[in-house]
Amino acid sequence: MIYRMKVTAIIADDLIYEVKEHTHCSTVTEAITVALKDWIDLYNIKELNKKISENPINITRGMQIRETNRSK
């Protein structure tokens, strides 16, 4: 089930116009929703990258794996 929240926010007009332009949305609600979802996706990617950088995978046979994959 999707819950929705009605929000009253004071946001500068130029910011709203810019968000609508970049998201290619016709309504303010849709534009803000798209922008927030994109922001959350970027945030999650950054957090995942932090975790990966703390414990990176060390591939010692990368070229061998690549050649095996390309020969198939």
N, C-alpha and C. Protein backbone atom coordinates (compact mmCIF):
# COMPACT_ATOMS: atom_id res chain seq x y z
N MET A 1 0.84 -1.17 0.00
CA MET A 1 0.00 0.00 0.00
C MET A 1 0.89 1.24 0.00
N ILE A 2 0.54 2.20 -0.80
CA ILE A 2 1.29 3.45 -0.88
C ILE A 2 0.57 4.50 -0.06
N TYR A 3 1.31 5.10 0.85
CA TYR A 3 0.76 6.19 1.63
C TYR A 3 1.28 7.50 1.04
N ARG A 4 0.47 8.50 1.07
CA ARG A 4 0.86 9.80 0.54
C ARG A 4 0.71 10.85 1.63
N MET A 5 1.54 11.87 1.56
CA MET A 5 1.51 12.92 2.55
C MET A 5 1.34 14.26 1.84
N LYS A 6 0.41 15.03 2.29
CA LYS A 6 0.24 16.37 1.75
C LYS A 6 1.15 17.29 2.55
N VAL A 7 1.97 18.06 1.82
CA VAL A 7 2.98 18.89 2.47
C VAL A 7 2.84 20.32 1.99
N THR A 8 2.95 21.24 2.93
CA THR A 8 3.03 22.65 2.57
C THR A 8 4.47 23.07 2.80
N ALA A 9 5.12 23.55 1.75
CA ALA A 9 6.52 23.95 1.86
C ALA A 9 6.72 25.27 1.12
N ILE A 10 7.57 26.08 1.66
CA ILE A 10 7.91 27.34 1.01
C ILE A 10 9.24 27.11 0.29
N ILE A 11 9.16 27.05 -1.04
CA ILE A 11 10.32 26.77 -1.88
C ILE A 11 10.40 27.88 -2.94
N ALA A 12 11.60 28.35 -3.17
CA ALA A 12 11.79 29.44 -4.14
C ALA A 12 11.29 29.02 -5.52
N ASP A 13 10.62 29.96 -6.18
CA ASP A 13 10.06 29.69 -7.50
C ASP A 13 11.11 29.22 -8.50
N ASP A 14 12.29 29.87 -8.49
CA ASP A 14 13.32 29.49 -9.46
C ASP A 14 13.81 28.06 -9.24
N LEU A 15 13.82 27.61 -8.00
CA LEU A 15 14.21 26.24 -7.72
C LEU A 15 13.16 25.26 -8.25
N ILE A 16 11.90 25.58 -8.06
CA ILE A 16 10.82 24.73 -8.57
C ILE A 16 10.87 24.67 -10.10
N TYR A 17 11.05 25.82 -10.75
CA TYR A 17 11.12 25.83 -12.22
C TYR A 17 12.30 25.00 -12.71
N GLU A 18 13.43 25.10 -12.02
CA GLU A 18 14.62 24.34 -12.43
C GLU A 18 14.40 22.84 -12.25
N VAL A 19 13.78 22.45 -11.14
CA VAL A 19 13.49 21.03 -10.91
C VAL A 19 12.52 20.51 -11.97
N LYS A 20 11.50 21.28 -12.28
CA LYS A 20 10.55 20.87 -13.33
C LYS A 20 11.25 20.73 -14.67
N GLU A 21 12.17 21.64 -14.96
CA GLU A 21 12.89 21.60 -16.24
C GLU A 21 13.78 20.36 -16.32
N HIS A 22 14.52 20.08 -15.27
CA HIS A 22 15.46 18.96 -15.30
C HIS A 22 14.78 17.60 -15.22
N THR A 23 13.63 17.54 -14.56
CA THR A 23 12.92 16.27 -14.45
C THR A 23 11.95 16.04 -15.62
N HIS A 24 11.72 17.08 -16.40
CA HIS A 24 10.78 17.01 -17.54
C HIS A 24 9.37 16.65 -17.07
N CYS A 25 9.01 17.15 -15.90
CA CYS A 25 7.67 16.90 -15.35
C CYS A 25 6.81 18.15 -15.52
N SER A 26 5.52 17.93 -15.67
CA SER A 26 4.63 19.06 -15.88
C SER A 26 4.04 19.59 -14.58
N THR A 27 4.01 18.76 -13.54
CA THR A 27 3.45 19.22 -12.26
C THR A 27 4.54 19.32 -11.21
N VAL A 28 4.32 20.20 -10.26
CA VAL A 28 5.27 20.39 -9.17
C VAL A 28 5.39 19.11 -8.34
N THR A 29 4.26 18.48 -8.06
CA THR A 29 4.27 17.25 -7.26
C THR A 29 5.12 16.18 -7.92
N GLU A 30 4.90 15.97 -9.20
CA GLU A 30 5.66 14.95 -9.92
C GLU A 30 7.15 15.30 -9.96
N ALA A 31 7.46 16.57 -10.21
CA ALA A 31 8.86 17.00 -10.30
C ALA A 31 9.59 16.80 -8.97
N ILE A 32 8.96 17.19 -7.88
CA ILE A 32 9.59 17.03 -6.57
C ILE A 32 9.73 15.55 -6.22
N THR A 33 8.74 14.75 -6.55
CA THR A 33 8.82 13.31 -6.30
C THR A 33 9.98 12.68 -7.06
N VAL A 34 10.12 13.02 -8.34
CA VAL A 34 11.21 12.49 -9.15
C VAL A 34 12.56 12.95 -8.59
N ALA A 35 12.65 14.23 -8.26
CA ALA A 35 13.91 14.77 -7.74
C ALA A 35 14.29 14.11 -6.42
N LEU A 36 13.34 13.90 -5.54
CA LEU A 36 13.62 13.25 -4.26
C LEU A 36 14.05 11.79 -4.45
N LYS A 37 13.37 11.07 -5.34
CA LYS A 37 13.76 9.68 -5.62
C LYS A 37 15.16 9.61 -6.19
N ASP A 38 15.50 10.53 -7.11
CA ASP A 38 16.85 10.56 -7.68
C ASP A 38 17.88 10.86 -6.60
N TRP A 39 17.57 11.79 -5.71
CA TRP A 39 18.49 12.13 -4.63
C TRP A 39 18.73 10.93 -3.72
N ILE A 40 17.66 10.23 -3.38
CA ILE A 40 17.78 9.05 -2.52
C ILE A 40 18.62 7.97 -3.21
N ASP A 41 18.41 7.76 -4.51
CA ASP A 41 19.21 6.79 -5.26
C ASP A 41 20.69 7.16 -5.23
N LEU A 42 21.00 8.44 -5.47
CA LEU A 42 22.40 8.89 -5.43
C LEU A 42 23.00 8.72 -4.04
N TYR A 43 22.24 9.04 -3.02
CA TYR A 43 22.70 8.88 -1.64
C TYR A 43 23.03 7.41 -1.36
N ASN A 44 22.13 6.52 -1.77
CA ASN A 44 22.36 5.09 -1.54
C ASN A 44 23.58 4.58 -2.29
N ILE A 45 23.80 5.08 -3.50
CA ILE A 45 24.99 4.69 -4.27
C ILE A 45 26.26 5.17 -3.56
N LYS A 46 26.25 6.39 -3.06
CA LYS A 46 27.41 6.92 -2.33
C LYS A 46 27.69 6.08 -1.08
N GLU A 47 26.65 5.71 -0.36
CA GLU A 47 26.84 4.90 0.84
C GLU A 47 27.39 3.52 0.48
N LEU A 48 26.89 2.92 -0.59
CA LEU A 48 27.39 1.63 -1.05
C LEU A 48 28.85 1.74 -1.46
N ASN A 49 29.21 2.81 -2.16
CA ASN A 49 30.60 3.02 -2.56
C ASN A 49 31.51 3.15 -1.34
N LYS A 50 31.03 3.79 -0.27
CA LYS A 50 31.82 3.89 0.96
C LYS A 50 32.09 2.50 1.54
N LYS A 51 31.04 1.68 1.58
CA LYS A 51 31.20 0.32 2.12
C LYS A 51 32.16 -0.50 1.27
N ILE A 52 32.05 -0.37 -0.03
CA ILE A 52 32.93 -1.12 -0.93
C ILE A 52 34.37 -0.66 -0.77
N SER A 53 34.59 0.64 -0.62
CA SER A 53 35.95 1.15 -0.49
C SER A 53 36.59 0.73 0.83
N GLU A 54 35.78 0.46 1.84
CA GLU A 54 36.31 -0.01 3.12
C GLU A 54 36.79 -1.46 3.04
N ASN A 55 36.19 -2.23 2.15
CA ASN A 55 36.56 -3.64 2.00
C ASN A 55 36.50 -4.02 0.52
N PRO A 56 37.45 -3.51 -0.28
CA PRO A 56 37.40 -3.76 -1.71
C PRO A 56 37.73 -5.21 -2.07
N ILE A 57 37.24 -5.62 -3.22
CA ILE A 57 37.54 -6.95 -3.75
C ILE A 57 38.87 -6.86 -4.48
N ASN A 58 39.77 -7.78 -4.17
CA ASN A 58 41.07 -7.80 -4.82
C ASN A 58 41.06 -8.92 -5.86
N ILE A 59 41.03 -8.55 -7.12
CA ILE A 59 41.00 -9.53 -8.20
C ILE A 59 42.43 -9.71 -8.70
N THR A 60 42.96 -10.90 -8.49
CA THR A 60 44.34 -11.15 -8.89
C THR A 60 44.43 -11.81 -10.26
N ARG A 61 43.36 -12.44 -10.71
CA ARG A 61 43.36 -13.13 -12.00
C ARG A 61 42.38 -12.46 -12.96
N GLY A 62 42.28 -11.17 -12.92
CA GLY A 62 41.32 -10.44 -13.73
C GLY A 62 41.46 -10.68 -15.22
N MET A 63 42.69 -10.66 -15.71
CA MET A 63 42.91 -10.84 -17.14
C MET A 63 42.50 -12.25 -17.57
N GLN A 64 42.77 -13.23 -16.74
CA GLN A 64 42.39 -14.62 -17.06
C GLN A 64 40.87 -14.75 -17.12
N ILE A 65 40.17 -14.15 -16.18
CA ILE A 65 38.72 -14.19 -16.16
C ILE A 65 38.16 -13.48 -17.39
N ARG A 66 38.72 -12.33 -17.72
CA ARG A 66 38.26 -11.56 -18.88
C ARG A 66 38.42 -12.37 -20.17
N GLU A 67 39.58 -13.00 -20.33
CA GLU A 67 39.82 -13.79 -21.54
C GLU A 67 38.87 -14.98 -21.62
N THR A 68 38.60 -15.62 -20.48
CA THR A 68 37.66 -16.74 -20.46
C THR A 68 36.27 -16.29 -20.88
N ASN A 69 35.82 -15.15 -20.35
CA ASN A 69 34.50 -14.61 -20.69
C ASN A 69 34.40 -14.22 -22.16
N ARG A 70 35.47 -13.66 -22.69
CA ARG A 70 35.44 -13.21 -24.09
C ARG A 70 35.48 -14.38 -25.08
N SER A 71 36.01 -15.51 -24.65
CA SER A 71 36.12 -16.65 -25.57
C SER A 71 34.81 -17.43 -25.69
N LYS A 72 33.84 -17.11 -24.88
CA LYS A 72 32.55 -17.83 -24.92
C LYS A 72 31.62 -17.25 -25.92
